[in-house]
Amino acid sequence: MPTDKNVARHDGQIARLEQAMTALAEAQVKTEESTAELKHAMADLAKAQAKTEAEVAKLSAETRALGRQWQAYLNTLPKN
């Protein structure tokens, strides 16, 4: 037959386990929220990167076109 001392010890252990489980559940919720925020931020960064890459490609094409125009102009100058 369990003694009051053993019952009290088990009750204390159960209470500590319940507190630990509650803390773990709260931490899991926070982690899931942080993960969702991180995924959203990563999606935003991917969109920004795609936009930047498109702008860089456009600027690169414009730079090449300007280089060709400059070379064509230089070819019109008299040779000394």
N, C-alpha and C. Protein backbone atom coordinates (compact mmCIF):
# COMPACT_ATOMS: atom_id res chain seq x y z
N MET A 1 0.84 -1.18 0.00
CA MET A 1 0.00 0.00 0.00
C MET A 1 0.90 1.25 0.00
N PRO A 2 0.62 2.21 -0.92
CA PRO A 2 1.47 3.38 -1.00
C PRO A 2 1.31 4.27 0.23
N THR A 3 2.40 4.84 0.59
CA THR A 3 2.36 5.76 1.73
C THR A 3 2.07 7.16 1.22
N ASP A 4 1.68 8.02 2.14
CA ASP A 4 1.40 9.42 1.77
C ASP A 4 2.65 10.08 1.20
N LYS A 5 3.81 9.67 1.71
CA LYS A 5 5.08 10.24 1.24
C LYS A 5 5.31 9.89 -0.24
N ASN A 6 5.06 8.63 -0.61
CA ASN A 6 5.23 8.21 -2.01
C ASN A 6 4.20 8.88 -2.92
N VAL A 7 2.99 9.01 -2.47
CA VAL A 7 1.94 9.66 -3.25
C VAL A 7 2.31 11.12 -3.49
N ALA A 8 2.78 11.79 -2.46
CA ALA A 8 3.17 13.19 -2.59
C ALA A 8 4.33 13.33 -3.57
N ARG A 9 5.30 12.40 -3.52
CA ARG A 9 6.43 12.46 -4.43
C ARG A 9 5.96 12.27 -5.87
N HIS A 10 5.09 11.32 -6.10
CA HIS A 10 4.56 11.09 -7.44
C HIS A 10 3.74 12.27 -7.93
N ASP A 11 2.96 12.86 -7.05
CA ASP A 11 2.17 14.04 -7.43
C ASP A 11 3.10 15.18 -7.85
N GLY A 12 4.19 15.34 -7.11
CA GLY A 12 5.15 16.39 -7.46
C GLY A 12 5.80 16.12 -8.80
N GLN A 13 6.15 14.87 -9.06
CA GLN A 13 6.75 14.51 -10.35
C GLN A 13 5.76 14.72 -11.49
N ILE A 14 4.52 14.35 -11.26
CA ILE A 14 3.48 14.54 -12.27
C ILE A 14 3.30 16.02 -12.57
N ALA A 15 3.30 16.85 -11.53
CA ALA A 15 3.13 18.29 -11.72
C ALA A 15 4.29 18.85 -12.53
N ARG A 16 5.53 18.41 -12.22
CA ARG A 16 6.69 18.90 -12.98
C ARG A 16 6.64 18.43 -14.43
N LEU A 17 6.20 17.20 -14.64
CA LEU A 17 6.05 16.70 -16.01
C LEU A 17 4.99 17.49 -16.78
N GLU A 18 3.90 17.80 -16.13
CA GLU A 18 2.85 18.59 -16.78
C GLU A 18 3.37 19.98 -17.14
N GLN A 19 4.15 20.59 -16.23
CA GLN A 19 4.73 21.90 -16.52
C GLN A 19 5.70 21.82 -17.70
N ALA A 20 6.51 20.76 -17.72
CA ALA A 20 7.46 20.60 -18.82
C ALA A 20 6.73 20.38 -20.14
N MET A 21 5.68 19.59 -20.12
CA MET A 21 4.92 19.33 -21.34
C MET A 21 4.23 20.61 -21.83
N THR A 22 3.73 21.42 -20.91
CA THR A 22 3.11 22.69 -21.28
C THR A 22 4.15 23.61 -21.91
N ALA A 23 5.33 23.69 -21.29
CA ALA A 23 6.40 24.54 -21.84
C ALA A 23 6.81 24.05 -23.23
N LEU A 24 6.90 22.75 -23.41
CA LEU A 24 7.27 22.20 -24.72
C LEU A 24 6.19 22.51 -25.76
N ALA A 25 4.93 22.41 -25.39
CA ALA A 25 3.84 22.71 -26.33
C ALA A 25 3.88 24.19 -26.71
N GLU A 26 4.14 25.08 -25.75
CA GLU A 26 4.24 26.50 -26.05
C GLU A 26 5.43 26.78 -26.97
N ALA A 27 6.55 26.11 -26.70
CA ALA A 27 7.72 26.28 -27.54
C ALA A 27 7.46 25.78 -28.96
N GLN A 28 6.71 24.69 -29.08
CA GLN A 28 6.38 24.17 -30.41
C GLN A 28 5.52 25.17 -31.19
N VAL A 29 4.56 25.78 -30.53
CA VAL A 29 3.71 26.78 -31.18
C VAL A 29 4.56 27.95 -31.66
N LYS A 30 5.46 28.44 -30.79
CA LYS A 30 6.33 29.56 -31.17
C LYS A 30 7.22 29.16 -32.34
N THR A 31 7.73 27.94 -32.32
CA THR A 31 8.59 27.47 -33.40
C THR A 31 7.82 27.40 -34.71
N GLU A 32 6.60 26.91 -34.66
CA GLU A 32 5.77 26.84 -35.87
C GLU A 32 5.46 28.24 -36.40
N GLU A 33 5.20 29.18 -35.50
CA GLU A 33 4.94 30.56 -35.94
C GLU A 33 6.20 31.16 -36.56
N SER A 34 7.34 30.92 -35.93
CA SER A 34 8.61 31.43 -36.47
C SER A 34 8.92 30.80 -37.82
N THR A 35 8.63 29.53 -37.95
CA THR A 35 8.85 28.83 -39.23
C THR A 35 7.98 29.43 -40.32
N ALA A 36 6.74 29.72 -40.01
CA ALA A 36 5.84 30.32 -41.00
C ALA A 36 6.34 31.71 -41.40
N GLU A 37 6.80 32.49 -40.42
CA GLU A 37 7.33 33.82 -40.72
C GLU A 37 8.58 33.70 -41.59
N LEU A 38 9.43 32.74 -41.27
CA LEU A 38 10.66 32.54 -42.04
C LEU A 38 10.34 32.13 -43.47
N LYS A 39 9.39 31.23 -43.65
CA LYS A 39 9.00 30.82 -45.00
C LYS A 39 8.46 32.00 -45.80
N HIS A 40 7.69 32.84 -45.14
CA HIS A 40 7.13 34.03 -45.81
C HIS A 40 8.27 34.97 -46.22
N ALA A 41 9.20 35.19 -45.31
CA ALA A 41 10.33 36.07 -45.61
C ALA A 41 11.18 35.49 -46.74
N MET A 42 11.37 34.19 -46.75
CA MET A 42 12.16 33.56 -47.82
C MET A 42 11.46 33.69 -49.17
N ALA A 43 10.14 33.58 -49.17
CA ALA A 43 9.39 33.75 -50.42
C ALA A 43 9.52 35.18 -50.92
N ASP A 44 9.45 36.14 -49.99
CA ASP A 44 9.63 37.55 -50.38
C ASP A 44 11.02 37.78 -50.95
N LEU A 45 12.03 37.19 -50.31
CA LEU A 45 13.40 37.33 -50.80
C LEU A 45 13.57 36.71 -52.18
N ALA A 46 12.95 35.57 -52.40
CA ALA A 46 13.04 34.91 -53.71
C ALA A 46 12.41 35.79 -54.79
N LYS A 47 11.28 36.42 -54.48
CA LYS A 47 10.64 37.32 -55.44
C LYS A 47 11.53 38.52 -55.73
N ALA A 48 12.13 39.07 -54.67
CA ALA A 48 13.02 40.22 -54.85
C ALA A 48 14.25 39.83 -55.66
N GLN A 49 14.77 38.64 -55.42
CA GLN A 49 15.93 38.18 -56.18
C GLN A 49 15.58 38.02 -57.65
N ALA A 50 14.44 37.45 -57.95
CA ALA A 50 14.01 37.29 -59.34
C ALA A 50 13.87 38.65 -60.02
N LYS A 51 13.29 39.59 -59.31
CA LYS A 51 13.12 40.94 -59.86
C LYS A 51 14.49 41.58 -60.10
N THR A 52 15.39 41.44 -59.15
CA THR A 52 16.74 42.00 -59.30
C THR A 52 17.47 41.36 -60.46
N GLU A 53 17.36 40.06 -60.61
CA GLU A 53 18.01 39.37 -61.72
C GLU A 53 17.47 39.85 -63.06
N ALA A 54 16.16 40.09 -63.13
CA ALA A 54 15.57 40.60 -64.36
C ALA A 54 16.08 42.01 -64.66
N GLU A 55 16.19 42.83 -63.62
CA GLU A 55 16.71 44.19 -63.81
C GLU A 55 18.17 44.17 -64.25
N VAL A 56 18.95 43.27 -63.66
CA VAL A 56 20.36 43.15 -64.03
C VAL A 56 20.48 42.70 -65.49
N ALA A 57 19.64 41.74 -65.90
CA ALA A 57 19.67 41.28 -67.29
C ALA A 57 19.32 42.42 -68.24
N LYS A 58 18.31 43.21 -67.87
CA LYS A 58 17.92 44.35 -68.71
C LYS A 58 19.05 45.38 -68.79
N LEU A 59 19.65 45.72 -67.66
CA LEU A 59 20.74 46.68 -67.65
C LEU A 59 21.95 46.16 -68.43
N SER A 60 22.20 44.88 -68.33
CA SER A 60 23.31 44.28 -69.06
C SER A 60 23.08 44.39 -70.57
N ALA A 61 21.85 44.11 -71.00
CA ALA A 61 21.51 44.23 -72.42
C ALA A 61 21.64 45.68 -72.89
N GLU A 62 21.17 46.62 -72.06
CA GLU A 62 21.29 48.03 -72.42
C GLU A 62 22.75 48.46 -72.50
N THR A 63 23.56 47.95 -71.59
CA THR A 63 24.99 48.28 -71.60
C THR A 63 25.66 47.75 -72.86
N ARG A 64 25.32 46.53 -73.25
CA ARG A 64 25.88 45.97 -74.49
C ARG A 64 25.45 46.80 -75.69
N ALA A 65 24.16 47.21 -75.71
CA ALA A 65 23.66 48.02 -76.82
C ALA A 65 24.39 49.36 -76.87
N LEU A 66 24.60 49.97 -75.73
CA LEU A 66 25.34 51.24 -75.69
C LEU A 66 26.79 51.03 -76.15
N GLY A 67 27.37 49.92 -75.79
CA GLY A 67 28.73 49.61 -76.24
C GLY A 67 28.80 49.49 -77.75
N ARG A 68 27.80 48.85 -78.34
CA ARG A 68 27.75 48.73 -79.79
C ARG A 68 27.57 50.09 -80.45
N GLN A 69 26.68 50.92 -79.85
CA GLN A 69 26.48 52.27 -80.40
C GLN A 69 27.77 53.09 -80.30
N TRP A 70 28.47 52.97 -79.19
CA TRP A 70 29.72 53.70 -79.02
C TRP A 70 30.75 53.24 -80.04
N GLN A 71 30.83 51.94 -80.24
CA GLN A 71 31.78 51.40 -81.22
C GLN A 71 31.42 51.87 -82.63
N ALA A 72 30.13 51.89 -82.94
CA ALA A 72 29.70 52.38 -84.26
C ALA A 72 30.07 53.84 -84.43
N TYR A 73 29.90 54.63 -83.39
CA TYR A 73 30.28 56.05 -83.46
C TYR A 73 31.78 56.18 -83.68
N LEU A 74 32.55 55.41 -82.91
CA LEU A 74 34.01 55.47 -83.06
C LEU A 74 34.44 55.08 -84.49
N ASN A 75 33.72 54.18 -85.10
CA ASN A 75 34.05 53.76 -86.46
C ASN A 75 33.76 54.85 -87.48
N THR A 76 32.93 55.85 -87.12
CA THR A 76 32.63 56.95 -88.05
C THR A 76 33.68 58.05 -88.01
N LEU A 77 34.51 58.03 -86.96
CA LEU A 77 35.53 59.08 -86.83
C LEU A 77 36.67 58.84 -87.83
N PRO A 78 37.23 59.91 -88.35
CA PRO A 78 38.33 59.72 -89.29
C PRO A 78 39.53 59.09 -88.59
N LYS A 79 40.20 58.25 -89.32
CA LYS A 79 41.41 57.61 -88.80
C LYS A 79 42.59 58.54 -88.99
N ASN A 80 43.41 58.75 -88.04
CA ASN A 80 44.59 59.63 -88.15
C ASN A 80 45.80 58.82 -88.50
